[in-house]
Amino acid sequence: GALGGLGLALGLWRRQVALAAAREDEEEKELRQRFMAPPVSGLRELRRRRRELRSRMELLIMETQAEMCRALAALDPGASFVVDSWERKEGGGGISCVLQDGEVFEKAGVNVSVVSGLLSEEAARQMRSRGKSLKAKDGKLPFCAMGVSSVIHPKNPHVPTMHFNYRYFEIEEADGTIQWWFGGGTDLTPTYLNEEDAVHFHKTLKEACDKHDLKLYPKYKKWCDDYFYIKHRGERRGIGGIFFDDLDSPSKEEVFQFVKSCAKAVVPCYIPIVKKHCHDSFTPEEKLWQQLRRGRYVEFNLLYDRGTKFGLLTPGSRIESILMSLPLTARWEYMHNPPESSKEAEILEVLRNPKDWVH
């Protein structure tokens, strides 16, 4: 009798193990279908450490990438994303998804990167200049950084360029202390001003911020206007949005939930604007103005952008992914000045004097 009972228990245990394995396989299949490519850390590893914030952040950036790529692909059915998984010999890797020469999008990229290793001297210097007190051990600072980053350059000058980036950083100091912080933001760069679109974009981001604290949107809106400032031109890159960096309070969980709300807002804040304008007619003069505005975009990204600088200073980083933010085409004309009271002059006025779009 006892042996029979043991056999029964063993059979039951085996069945439970088989069911759990089948469930795991099913989960893995579902995650594979949800993402653009297998995650850098691997699905098994992410599941094993699913309660850890690093794993949850990696799942969030993978989901954000897939959501944005699917939303863009649905608007440009003739084009398709090249999905490029890459590895970094110093540690980690990434997934670059790039669509080029579509009907709607001239270039749209949505990148994920999960990298680790030792922080370069220049990168550490850049961080210390922002007030980070990083205590290295034998000159070494182990780090882990992950994020999702996207820049979308549409063909039609009446559809704005859009950028977003959400990232998480960890650095281990000499005494084993882990310094962590989040950064990110979402911003819009129209060629021509459409007030209705500007209000929709800012309101959607404000709603995402307001779920957590009513002080966040005005603070991060101002930060965005100040950050995307092209000093040598005296104008902003676009009409802003939100931007924040070095965010490490009130708690890791609360900041993660805030970043998650911001990441979930990227599709609803932008895709309706693309749908509304992607078939608008435009003139050769309007296309030319778009090319000149893109030149300004390039100037900001190469001279001031912190993410571009960090990427270029990190050994083994992938240049193609870092410079994905640059448009396929842009133009620089000598001493180009739009006529007063023109639609071109109207956008310049807003870039020089940022507006409050939601009150």
Foldseek 3Di string as FASTA:
>chain_A
DVVVVVVVVVVVVVVVVVVVVVVVVVVLVVLCVQFPHAFQVGPVVLVVVVVDPVSVVSSLLRNLLSVVQVLVCVVFVVWAWDWDWDQFPQFWTWIKTWIDDTLWFNIKIKIKTKGKHWAFPVLVVVVVVVPDPAAADVPTKIKIKIKIKIWTHTQDLQAWIKIKMKMKMWIQHPVRDIQIKIWMWIFTAHLFDDLVLVLLLQVLLQVLQVVQPNVQSVVQQVVQLVQQAPVVVLFGLHLGHGTDIRHCDDHPVSVVSSSSSNSVSPCVSRSVSSVVPSPPDDDPVSSQSSQASLVSVVSCLVPRDPQLVSQVSGPRRDNCRSCSNRGPGHDDDPPDDDDPPDSSVVRRVCRNPHDDSHD
